[in-house]
mmCIF file of all heavy atoms, coordinates in Angstrom:
data_MODEL
# 
_entry.id   MODEL 
# 
loop_
_atom_site.group_PDB 
_atom_site.id 
_atom_site.type_symbol 
_atom_site.label_atom_id 
_atom_site.label_alt_id 
_atom_site.label_comp_id 
_atom_site.label_asym_id 
_atom_site.label_entity_id 
_atom_site.label_seq_id 
_atom_site.pdbx_PDB_ins_code 
_atom_site.Cartn_x 
_atom_site.Cartn_y 
_atom_site.Cartn_z 
_atom_site.occupancy 
_atom_site.B_iso_or_equiv 
_atom_site.pdbx_formal_charge 
_atom_site.auth_seq_id 
_atom_site.auth_comp_id 
_atom_site.auth_asym_id 
_atom_site.auth_atom_id 
_atom_site.pdbx_PDB_model_num 
ATOM 1   N N   . ASP A 1 1  ? -5.199  38.385 44.696 1.00 0.00 ? 1  ASP A N   1 
ATOM 2   C CA  . ASP A 1 1  ? -4.047  38.968 45.309 1.00 0.00 ? 1  ASP A CA  1 
ATOM 3   C C   . ASP A 1 1  ? -2.943  39.133 44.259 1.00 0.00 ? 1  ASP A C   1 
ATOM 4   O O   . ASP A 1 1  ? -3.104  38.811 43.088 1.00 0.00 ? 1  ASP A O   1 
ATOM 5   C CB  . ASP A 1 1  ? -3.512  38.116 46.503 1.00 0.00 ? 1  ASP A CB  1 
ATOM 6   C CG  . ASP A 1 1  ? -3.366  36.645 46.104 1.00 0.00 ? 1  ASP A CG  1 
ATOM 7   O OD1 . ASP A 1 1  ? -3.052  36.359 44.926 1.00 0.00 ? 1  ASP A OD1 1 
ATOM 8   O OD2 . ASP A 1 1  ? -3.597  35.794 46.978 1.00 0.00 ? 1  ASP A OD2 1 
ATOM 9   N N   . ASP A 1 2  ? -1.774  39.650 44.683 1.00 0.00 ? 2  ASP A N   1 
ATOM 10  C CA  . ASP A 1 2  ? -0.665  39.882 43.784 1.00 0.00 ? 2  ASP A CA  1 
ATOM 11  C C   . ASP A 1 2  ? -0.125  38.569 43.193 1.00 0.00 ? 2  ASP A C   1 
ATOM 12  O O   . ASP A 1 2  ? 0.356   38.540 42.066 1.00 0.00 ? 2  ASP A O   1 
ATOM 13  C CB  . ASP A 1 2  ? 0.482   40.616 44.485 1.00 0.00 ? 2  ASP A CB  1 
ATOM 14  C CG  . ASP A 1 2  ? 0.112   42.071 44.803 1.00 0.00 ? 2  ASP A CG  1 
ATOM 15  O OD1 . ASP A 1 2  ? -0.855  42.560 44.196 1.00 0.00 ? 2  ASP A OD1 1 
ATOM 16  O OD2 . ASP A 1 2  ? 0.795   42.666 45.638 1.00 0.00 ? 2  ASP A OD2 1 
ATOM 17  N N   . THR A 1 3  ? -0.197  37.500 43.965 1.00 0.00 ? 3  THR A N   1 
ATOM 18  C CA  . THR A 1 3  ? 0.267   36.173 43.477 1.00 0.00 ? 3  THR A CA  1 
ATOM 19  C C   . THR A 1 3  ? -0.521  35.744 42.241 1.00 0.00 ? 3  THR A C   1 
ATOM 20  O O   . THR A 1 3  ? 0.046   35.294 41.237 1.00 0.00 ? 3  THR A O   1 
ATOM 21  C CB  . THR A 1 3  ? 0.166   35.135 44.568 1.00 0.00 ? 3  THR A CB  1 
ATOM 22  O OG1 . THR A 1 3  ? 0.999   35.517 45.702 1.00 0.00 ? 3  THR A OG1 1 
ATOM 23  C CG2 . THR A 1 3  ? 0.668   33.768 44.058 1.00 0.00 ? 3  THR A CG2 1 
ATOM 24  N N   . GLN A 1 4  ? -1.839  35.868 42.329 1.00 0.00 ? 4  GLN A N   1 
ATOM 25  C CA  . GLN A 1 4  ? -2.668  35.464 41.186 1.00 0.00 ? 4  GLN A CA  1 
ATOM 26  C C   . GLN A 1 4  ? -2.402  36.383 39.976 1.00 0.00 ? 4  GLN A C   1 
ATOM 27  O O   . GLN A 1 4  ? -2.393  35.926 38.823 1.00 0.00 ? 4  GLN A O   1 
ATOM 28  C CB  . GLN A 1 4  ? -4.137  35.476 41.560 1.00 0.00 ? 4  GLN A CB  1 
ATOM 29  C CG  . GLN A 1 4  ? -5.021  34.857 40.484 1.00 0.00 ? 4  GLN A CG  1 
ATOM 30  C CD  . GLN A 1 4  ? -6.499  34.877 40.851 1.00 0.00 ? 4  GLN A CD  1 
ATOM 31  O OE1 . GLN A 1 4  ? -6.985  35.836 41.446 1.00 0.00 ? 4  GLN A OE1 1 
ATOM 32  N NE2 . GLN A 1 4  ? -7.211  33.803 40.466 1.00 0.00 ? 4  GLN A NE2 1 
ATOM 33  N N   . LEU A 1 5  ? -2.180  37.655 40.240 1.00 0.00 ? 5  LEU A N   1 
ATOM 34  C CA  . LEU A 1 5  ? -1.844  38.600 39.143 1.00 0.00 ? 5  LEU A CA  1 
ATOM 35  C C   . LEU A 1 5  ? -0.568  38.212 38.484 1.00 0.00 ? 5  LEU A C   1 
ATOM 36  O O   . LEU A 1 5  ? -0.430  38.220 37.232 1.00 0.00 ? 5  LEU A O   1 
ATOM 37  C CB  . LEU A 1 5  ? -1.732  40.016 39.679 1.00 0.00 ? 5  LEU A CB  1 
ATOM 38  C CG  . LEU A 1 5  ? -1.379  41.122 38.691 1.00 0.00 ? 5  LEU A CG  1 
ATOM 39  C CD1 . LEU A 1 5  ? -2.424  41.233 37.602 1.00 0.00 ? 5  LEU A CD1 1 
ATOM 40  C CD2 . LEU A 1 5  ? -1.175  42.483 39.386 1.00 0.00 ? 5  LEU A CD2 1 
ATOM 41  N N   . ASN A 1 6  ? 0.473   37.844 39.252 1.00 0.00 ? 6  ASN A N   1 
ATOM 42  C CA  . ASN A 1 6  ? 1.748   37.433 38.698 1.00 0.00 ? 6  ASN A CA  1 
ATOM 43  C C   . ASN A 1 6  ? 1.618   36.126 37.875 1.00 0.00 ? 6  ASN A C   1 
ATOM 44  O O   . ASN A 1 6  ? 2.269   35.947 36.850 1.00 0.00 ? 6  ASN A O   1 
ATOM 45  C CB  . ASN A 1 6  ? 2.791   37.254 39.799 1.00 0.00 ? 6  ASN A CB  1 
ATOM 46  C CG  . ASN A 1 6  ? 3.271   38.624 40.321 1.00 0.00 ? 6  ASN A CG  1 
ATOM 47  O OD1 . ASN A 1 6  ? 3.348   39.578 39.572 1.00 0.00 ? 6  ASN A OD1 1 
ATOM 48  N ND2 . ASN A 1 6  ? 3.552   38.661 41.622 1.00 0.00 ? 6  ASN A ND2 1 
ATOM 49  N N   . HIS A 1 7  ? 0.764   35.219 38.356 1.00 0.00 ? 7  HIS A N   1 
ATOM 50  C CA  . HIS A 1 7  ? 0.517   33.981 37.590 1.00 0.00 ? 7  HIS A CA  1 
ATOM 51  C C   . HIS A 1 7  ? -0.092  34.303 36.241 1.00 0.00 ? 7  HIS A C   1 
ATOM 52  O O   . HIS A 1 7  ? 0.261   33.686 35.202 1.00 0.00 ? 7  HIS A O   1 
ATOM 53  C CB  . HIS A 1 7  ? -0.402  33.056 38.392 1.00 0.00 ? 7  HIS A CB  1 
ATOM 54  C CG  . HIS A 1 7  ? 0.250   32.386 39.537 1.00 0.00 ? 7  HIS A CG  1 
ATOM 55  N ND1 . HIS A 1 7  ? -0.456  31.825 40.581 1.00 0.00 ? 7  HIS A ND1 1 
ATOM 56  C CD2 . HIS A 1 7  ? 1.578   32.232 39.852 1.00 0.00 ? 7  HIS A CD2 1 
ATOM 57  C CE1 . HIS A 1 7  ? 0.393   31.296 41.435 1.00 0.00 ? 7  HIS A CE1 1 
ATOM 58  N NE2 . HIS A 1 7  ? 1.623   31.556 41.040 1.00 0.00 ? 7  HIS A NE2 1 
ATOM 59  N N   . LEU A 1 8  ? -1.021  35.274 36.205 1.00 0.00 ? 8  LEU A N   1 
ATOM 60  C CA  . LEU A 1 8  ? -1.647  35.665 34.949 1.00 0.00 ? 8  LEU A CA  1 
ATOM 61  C C   . LEU A 1 8  ? -0.574  36.237 33.998 1.00 0.00 ? 8  LEU A C   1 
ATOM 62  O O   . LEU A 1 8  ? -0.547  35.914 32.788 1.00 0.00 ? 8  LEU A O   1 
ATOM 63  C CB  . LEU A 1 8  ? -2.755  36.657 35.180 1.00 0.00 ? 8  LEU A CB  1 
ATOM 64  C CG  . LEU A 1 8  ? -3.390  37.283 33.944 1.00 0.00 ? 8  LEU A CG  1 
ATOM 65  C CD1 . LEU A 1 8  ? -4.000  36.243 33.038 1.00 0.00 ? 8  LEU A CD1 1 
ATOM 66  C CD2 . LEU A 1 8  ? -4.412  38.365 34.312 1.00 0.00 ? 8  LEU A CD2 1 
ATOM 67  N N   . ILE A 1 9  ? 0.258   37.103 34.516 1.00 0.00 ? 9  ILE A N   1 
ATOM 68  C CA  . ILE A 1 9  ? 1.298   37.748 33.664 1.00 0.00 ? 9  ILE A CA  1 
ATOM 69  C C   . ILE A 1 9  ? 2.231   36.705 33.109 1.00 0.00 ? 9  ILE A C   1 
ATOM 70  O O   . ILE A 1 9  ? 2.577   36.718 31.929 1.00 0.00 ? 9  ILE A O   1 
ATOM 71  C CB  . ILE A 1 9  ? 2.060   38.832 34.472 1.00 0.00 ? 9  ILE A CB  1 
ATOM 72  C CG1 . ILE A 1 9  ? 1.143   39.980 34.868 1.00 0.00 ? 9  ILE A CG1 1 
ATOM 73  C CG2 . ILE A 1 9  ? 3.278   39.332 33.707 1.00 0.00 ? 9  ILE A CG2 1 
ATOM 74  C CD1 . ILE A 1 9  ? 1.759   40.946 35.837 1.00 0.00 ? 9  ILE A CD1 1 
ATOM 75  N N   . ASP A 1 10 ? 2.640   35.745 33.937 1.00 0.00 ? 10 ASP A N   1 
ATOM 76  C CA  . ASP A 1 10 ? 3.543   34.664 33.512 1.00 0.00 ? 10 ASP A CA  1 
ATOM 77  C C   . ASP A 1 10 ? 2.888   33.855 32.407 1.00 0.00 ? 10 ASP A C   1 
ATOM 78  O O   . ASP A 1 10 ? 3.519   33.491 31.400 1.00 0.00 ? 10 ASP A O   1 
ATOM 79  C CB  . ASP A 1 10 ? 3.937   33.762 34.707 1.00 0.00 ? 10 ASP A CB  1 
ATOM 80  C CG  . ASP A 1 10 ? 4.819   34.506 35.683 1.00 0.00 ? 10 ASP A CG  1 
ATOM 81  O OD1 . ASP A 1 10 ? 5.433   35.513 35.291 1.00 0.00 ? 10 ASP A OD1 1 
ATOM 82  O OD2 . ASP A 1 10 ? 4.938   34.028 36.844 1.00 0.00 ? 10 ASP A OD2 1 
ATOM 83  N N   . ALA A 1 11 ? 1.582   33.530 32.595 1.00 0.00 ? 11 ALA A N   1 
ATOM 84  C CA  . ALA A 1 11 ? 0.869   32.707 31.610 1.00 0.00 ? 11 ALA A CA  1 
ATOM 85  C C   . ALA A 1 11 ? 0.721   33.446 30.265 1.00 0.00 ? 11 ALA A C   1 
ATOM 86  O O   . ALA A 1 11 ? 0.874   32.847 29.204 1.00 0.00 ? 11 ALA A O   1 
ATOM 87  C CB  . ALA A 1 11 ? -0.497  32.295 32.162 1.00 0.00 ? 11 ALA A CB  1 
ATOM 88  N N   . LEU A 1 12 ? 0.463   34.723 30.335 1.00 0.00 ? 12 LEU A N   1 
ATOM 89  C CA  . LEU A 1 12 ? 0.327   35.497 29.097 1.00 0.00 ? 12 LEU A CA  1 
ATOM 90  C C   . LEU A 1 12 ? 1.634   35.589 28.359 1.00 0.00 ? 12 LEU A C   1 
ATOM 91  O O   . LEU A 1 12 ? 1.685   35.470 27.138 1.00 0.00 ? 12 LEU A O   1 
ATOM 92  C CB  . LEU A 1 12 ? -0.206  36.912 29.429 1.00 0.00 ? 12 LEU A CB  1 
ATOM 93  C CG  . LEU A 1 12 ? -1.630  37.011 29.946 1.00 0.00 ? 12 LEU A CG  1 
ATOM 94  C CD1 . LEU A 1 12 ? -1.985  38.433 30.393 1.00 0.00 ? 12 LEU A CD1 1 
ATOM 95  C CD2 . LEU A 1 12 ? -2.648  36.561 28.875 1.00 0.00 ? 12 LEU A CD2 1 
ATOM 96  N N   . ARG A 1 13 ? 2.722   35.793 29.091 1.00 0.00 ? 13 ARG A N   1 
ATOM 97  C CA  . ARG A 1 13 ? 4.034   35.846 28.456 1.00 0.00 ? 13 ARG A CA  1 
ATOM 98  C C   . ARG A 1 13 ? 4.455   34.487 27.857 1.00 0.00 ? 13 ARG A C   1 
ATOM 99  O O   . ARG A 1 13 ? 5.018   34.458 26.785 1.00 0.00 ? 13 ARG A O   1 
ATOM 100 C CB  . ARG A 1 13 ? 5.072   36.311 29.481 1.00 0.00 ? 13 ARG A CB  1 
ATOM 101 C CG  . ARG A 1 13 ? 4.949   37.778 29.815 1.00 0.00 ? 13 ARG A CG  1 
ATOM 102 C CD  . ARG A 1 13 ? 5.902   38.179 30.907 1.00 0.00 ? 13 ARG A CD  1 
ATOM 103 N NE  . ARG A 1 13 ? 5.936   39.637 31.130 1.00 0.00 ? 13 ARG A NE  1 
ATOM 104 C CZ  . ARG A 1 13 ? 6.513   40.236 32.173 1.00 0.00 ? 13 ARG A CZ  1 
ATOM 105 N NH1 . ARG A 1 13 ? 7.107   39.468 33.097 1.00 0.00 ? 13 ARG A NH1 1 
ATOM 106 N NH2 . ARG A 1 13 ? 6.506   41.536 32.285 1.00 0.00 ? 13 ARG A NH2 1 
ATOM 107 N N   . THR A 1 14 ? 4.113   33.420 28.565 1.00 0.00 ? 14 THR A N   1 
ATOM 108 C CA  . THR A 1 14 ? 4.441   32.055 28.069 1.00 0.00 ? 14 THR A CA  1 
ATOM 109 C C   . THR A 1 14 ? 3.714   31.790 26.770 1.00 0.00 ? 14 THR A C   1 
ATOM 110 O O   . THR A 1 14 ? 4.248   31.148 25.855 1.00 0.00 ? 14 THR A O   1 
ATOM 111 C CB  . THR A 1 14 ? 4.070   30.980 29.127 1.00 0.00 ? 14 THR A CB  1 
ATOM 112 O OG1 . THR A 1 14 ? 4.809   31.210 30.319 1.00 0.00 ? 14 THR A OG1 1 
ATOM 113 C CG2 . THR A 1 14 ? 4.367   29.589 28.606 1.00 0.00 ? 14 THR A CG2 1 
ATOM 114 N N   . ALA A 1 15 ? 2.487   32.316 26.680 1.00 0.00 ? 15 ALA A N   1 
ATOM 115 C CA  . ALA A 1 15 ? 1.702   32.164 25.443 1.00 0.00 ? 15 ALA A CA  1 
ATOM 116 C C   . ALA A 1 15 ? 2.097   33.180 24.387 1.00 0.00 ? 15 ALA A C   1 
ATOM 117 O O   . ALA A 1 15 ? 1.440   33.237 23.339 1.00 0.00 ? 15 ALA A O   1 
ATOM 118 C CB  . ALA A 1 15 ? 0.200   32.268 25.801 1.00 0.00 ? 15 ALA A CB  1 
ATOM 119 N N   . GLU A 1 16 ? 3.110   33.961 24.685 1.00 0.00 ? 16 GLU A N   1 
ATOM 120 C CA  . GLU A 1 16 ? 3.639   34.979 23.739 1.00 0.00 ? 16 GLU A CA  1 
ATOM 121 C C   . GLU A 1 16 ? 2.543   36.022 23.372 1.00 0.00 ? 16 GLU A C   1 
ATOM 122 O O   . GLU A 1 16 ? 2.477   36.468 22.223 1.00 0.00 ? 16 GLU A O   1 
ATOM 123 C CB  . GLU A 1 16 ? 4.212   34.319 22.497 1.00 0.00 ? 16 GLU A CB  1 
ATOM 124 C CG  . GLU A 1 16 ? 5.406   33.425 22.776 1.00 0.00 ? 16 GLU A CG  1 
ATOM 125 C CD  . GLU A 1 16 ? 6.022   32.839 21.520 1.00 0.00 ? 16 GLU A CD  1 
ATOM 126 O OE1 . GLU A 1 16 ? 5.358   32.943 20.446 1.00 0.00 ? 16 GLU A OE1 1 
ATOM 127 O OE2 . GLU A 1 16 ? 7.122   32.288 21.595 1.00 0.00 ? 16 GLU A OE2 1 
ATOM 128 N N   . ILE A 1 17 ? 1.770   36.375 24.358 1.00 0.00 ? 17 ILE A N   1 
ATOM 129 C CA  . ILE A 1 17 ? 0.764   37.430 24.172 1.00 0.00 ? 17 ILE A CA  1 
ATOM 130 C C   . ILE A 1 17 ? 1.363   38.718 24.648 1.00 0.00 ? 17 ILE A C   1 
ATOM 131 O O   . ILE A 1 17 ? 1.882   38.847 25.753 1.00 0.00 ? 17 ILE A O   1 
ATOM 132 C CB  . ILE A 1 17 ? -0.502  37.116 24.987 1.00 0.00 ? 17 ILE A CB  1 
ATOM 133 C CG1 . ILE A 1 17 ? -1.172  35.838 24.475 1.00 0.00 ? 17 ILE A CG1 1 
ATOM 134 C CG2 . ILE A 1 17 ? -1.481  38.272 24.912 1.00 0.00 ? 17 ILE A CG2 1 
ATOM 135 C CD1 . ILE A 1 17 ? -2.332  35.358 25.307 1.00 0.00 ? 17 ILE A CD1 1 
ATOM 136 N N   . THR A 1 18 ? 1.372   39.708 23.775 1.00 0.00 ? 18 THR A N   1 
ATOM 137 C CA  . THR A 1 18 ? 1.993   41.023 24.088 1.00 0.00 ? 18 THR A CA  1 
ATOM 138 C C   . THR A 1 18 ? 1.096   41.810 25.059 1.00 0.00 ? 18 THR A C   1 
ATOM 139 O O   . THR A 1 18 ? -0.072  42.082 24.754 1.00 0.00 ? 18 THR A O   1 
ATOM 140 C CB  . THR A 1 18 ? 2.213   41.841 22.812 1.00 0.00 ? 18 THR A CB  1 
ATOM 141 O OG1 . THR A 1 18 ? 3.044   41.099 21.941 1.00 0.00 ? 18 THR A OG1 1 
ATOM 142 C CG2 . THR A 1 18 ? 2.880   43.174 23.135 1.00 0.00 ? 18 THR A CG2 1 
ATOM 143 N N   . ILE A 1 19 ? 1.653   42.197 26.165 1.00 0.00 ? 19 ILE A N   1 
ATOM 144 C CA  . ILE A 1 19 ? 0.940   42.967 27.193 1.00 0.00 ? 19 ILE A CA  1 
ATOM 145 C C   . ILE A 1 19 ? 1.350   44.434 27.004 1.00 0.00 ? 19 ILE A C   1 
ATOM 146 O O   . ILE A 1 19 ? 2.486   44.807 27.134 1.00 0.00 ? 19 ILE A O   1 
ATOM 147 C CB  . ILE A 1 19 ? 1.285   42.503 28.605 1.00 0.00 ? 19 ILE A CB  1 
ATOM 148 C CG1 . ILE A 1 19 ? 0.981   41.044 28.780 1.00 0.00 ? 19 ILE A CG1 1 
ATOM 149 C CG2 . ILE A 1 19 ? 0.532   43.350 29.647 1.00 0.00 ? 19 ILE A CG2 1 
ATOM 150 C CD1 . ILE A 1 19 ? 1.499   40.462 30.092 1.00 0.00 ? 19 ILE A CD1 1 
ATOM 151 N N   . ARG A 1 20 ? 0.356   45.260 26.677 1.00 0.00 ? 20 ARG A N   1 
ATOM 152 C CA  . ARG A 1 20 ? 0.635   46.678 26.488 1.00 0.00 ? 20 ARG A CA  1 
ATOM 153 C C   . ARG A 1 20 ? 0.645   47.410 27.828 1.00 0.00 ? 20 ARG A C   1 
ATOM 154 O O   . ARG A 1 20 ? 1.335   48.402 28.051 1.00 0.00 ? 20 ARG A O   1 
ATOM 155 C CB  . ARG A 1 20 ? -0.399  47.295 25.565 1.00 0.00 ? 20 ARG A CB  1 
ATOM 156 C CG  . ARG A 1 20 ? -0.181  48.789 25.263 1.00 0.00 ? 20 ARG A CG  1 
ATOM 157 C CD  . ARG A 1 20 ? -1.104  49.285 24.182 1.00 0.00 ? 20 ARG A CD  1 
ATOM 158 N NE  . ARG A 1 20 ? -0.736  48.700 22.881 1.00 0.00 ? 20 ARG A NE  1 
ATOM 159 C CZ  . ARG A 1 20 ? -1.527  48.694 21.824 1.00 0.00 ? 20 ARG A CZ  1 
ATOM 160 N NH1 . ARG A 1 20 ? -2.759  49.149 21.912 1.00 0.00 ? 20 ARG A NH1 1 
ATOM 161 N NH2 . ARG A 1 20 ? -1.106  48.181 20.658 1.00 0.00 ? 20 ARG A NH2 1 
ATOM 162 N N   . GLY A 1 21 ? -0.194  46.951 28.759 1.00 0.00 ? 21 GLY A N   1 
ATOM 163 C CA  . GLY A 1 21 ? -0.207  47.596 30.050 1.00 0.00 ? 21 GLY A CA  1 
ATOM 164 C C   . GLY A 1 21 ? -1.139  46.901 31.012 1.00 0.00 ? 21 GLY A C   1 
ATOM 165 O O   . GLY A 1 21 ? -2.121  46.275 30.618 1.00 0.00 ? 21 GLY A O   1 
ATOM 166 N N   . ILE A 1 22 ? -0.821  46.979 32.310 1.00 0.00 ? 22 ILE A N   1 
ATOM 167 C CA  . ILE A 1 22 ? -1.687  46.533 33.404 1.00 0.00 ? 22 ILE A CA  1 
ATOM 168 C C   . ILE A 1 22 ? -1.777  47.690 34.365 1.00 0.00 ? 22 ILE A C   1 
ATOM 169 O O   . ILE A 1 22 ? -0.783  48.038 35.030 1.00 0.00 ? 22 ILE A O   1 
ATOM 170 C CB  . ILE A 1 22 ? -1.167  45.284 34.096 1.00 0.00 ? 22 ILE A CB  1 
ATOM 171 C CG1 . ILE A 1 22 ? -1.105  44.115 33.126 1.00 0.00 ? 22 ILE A CG1 1 
ATOM 172 C CG2 . ILE A 1 22 ? -2.067  44.917 35.266 1.00 0.00 ? 22 ILE A CG2 1 
ATOM 173 C CD1 . ILE A 1 22 ? -0.558  42.829 33.714 1.00 0.00 ? 22 ILE A CD1 1 
ATOM 174 N N   . VAL A 1 23 ? -2.916  48.353 34.445 1.00 0.00 ? 23 VAL A N   1 
ATOM 175 C CA  . VAL A 1 23 ? -3.083  49.571 35.198 1.00 0.00 ? 23 VAL A CA  1 
ATOM 176 C C   . VAL A 1 23 ? -4.108  49.366 36.282 1.00 0.00 ? 23 VAL A C   1 
ATOM 177 O O   . VAL A 1 23 ? -5.232  48.861 36.021 1.00 0.00 ? 23 VAL A O   1 
ATOM 178 C CB  . VAL A 1 23 ? -3.530  50.739 34.275 1.00 0.00 ? 23 VAL A CB  1 
ATOM 179 C CG1 . VAL A 1 23 ? -3.637  52.040 35.059 1.00 0.00 ? 23 VAL A CG1 1 
ATOM 180 C CG2 . VAL A 1 23 ? -2.549  50.889 33.106 1.00 0.00 ? 23 VAL A CG2 1 
ATOM 181 N N   . PRO A 1 24 ? -3.825  49.716 37.540 1.00 0.00 ? 24 PRO A N   1 
ATOM 182 C CA  . PRO A 1 24 ? -4.844  49.595 38.599 1.00 0.00 ? 24 PRO A CA  1 
ATOM 183 C C   . PRO A 1 24 ? -6.080  50.425 38.222 1.00 0.00 ? 24 PRO A C   1 
ATOM 184 O O   . PRO A 1 24 ? -6.010  51.519 37.758 1.00 0.00 ? 24 PRO A O   1 
ATOM 185 C CB  . PRO A 1 24 ? -4.138  50.197 39.821 1.00 0.00 ? 24 PRO A CB  1 
ATOM 186 C CG  . PRO A 1 24 ? -2.698  50.066 39.549 1.00 0.00 ? 24 PRO A CG  1 
ATOM 187 C CD  . PRO A 1 24 ? -2.544  50.210 38.036 1.00 0.00 ? 24 PRO A CD  1 
ATOM 188 N N   . ARG A 1 25 ? -7.232  49.815 38.415 1.00 0.00 ? 25 ARG A N   1 
ATOM 189 C CA  . ARG A 1 25 ? -8.486  50.519 38.108 1.00 0.00 ? 25 ARG A CA  1 
ATOM 190 C C   . ARG A 1 25 ? -8.721  51.589 39.170 1.00 0.00 ? 25 ARG A C   1 
ATOM 191 O O   . ARG A 1 25 ? -8.478  51.394 40.338 1.00 0.00 ? 25 ARG A O   1 
ATOM 192 C CB  . ARG A 1 25 ? -9.663  49.527 38.127 1.00 0.00 ? 25 ARG A CB  1 
ATOM 193 C CG  . ARG A 1 25 ? -10.973 50.149 37.631 1.00 0.00 ? 25 ARG A CG  1 
ATOM 194 C CD  . ARG A 1 25 ? -12.145 49.228 37.768 1.00 0.00 ? 25 ARG A CD  1 
ATOM 195 N NE  . ARG A 1 25 ? -13.360 49.909 37.447 1.00 0.00 ? 25 ARG A NE  1 
ATOM 196 C CZ  . ARG A 1 25 ? -14.554 49.599 37.943 1.00 0.00 ? 25 ARG A CZ  1 
ATOM 197 N NH1 . ARG A 1 25 ? -14.641 48.611 38.810 1.00 0.00 ? 25 ARG A NH1 1 
ATOM 198 N NH2 . ARG A 1 25 ? -15.629 50.244 37.620 1.00 0.00 ? 25 ARG A NH2 1 
ATOM 199 N N   . LYS A 1 26 ? -9.196  52.735 38.703 1.00 0.00 ? 26 LYS A N   1 
ATOM 200 C CA  . LYS A 1 26 ? -9.398  53.870 39.608 1.00 0.00 ? 26 LYS A CA  1 
ATOM 201 C C   . LYS A 1 26 ? -10.795 54.457 39.420 1.00 0.00 ? 26 LYS A C   1 
ATOM 202 O O   . LYS A 1 26 ? -11.375 54.365 38.375 1.00 0.00 ? 26 LYS A O   1 
ATOM 203 C CB  . LYS A 1 26 ? -8.352  54.963 39.341 1.00 0.00 ? 26 LYS A CB  1 
ATOM 204 C CG  . LYS A 1 26 ? -6.901  54.510 39.631 1.00 0.00 ? 26 LYS A CG  1 
ATOM 205 C CD  . LYS A 1 26 ? -5.918  55.611 39.384 1.00 0.00 ? 26 LYS A CD  1 
ATOM 206 C CE  . LYS A 1 26 ? -4.517  55.182 39.694 1.00 0.00 ? 26 LYS A CE  1 
ATOM 207 N NZ  . LYS A 1 26 ? -3.522  56.243 39.493 1.00 0.00 ? 26 LYS A NZ  1 
# 
């Protein structure tokens, strides 16, 4: 769900991993 997605984003940012994009798969 969106909650788990937000947890992933927070964890990646905490680890200082640069996110270029998160795009819904189509």
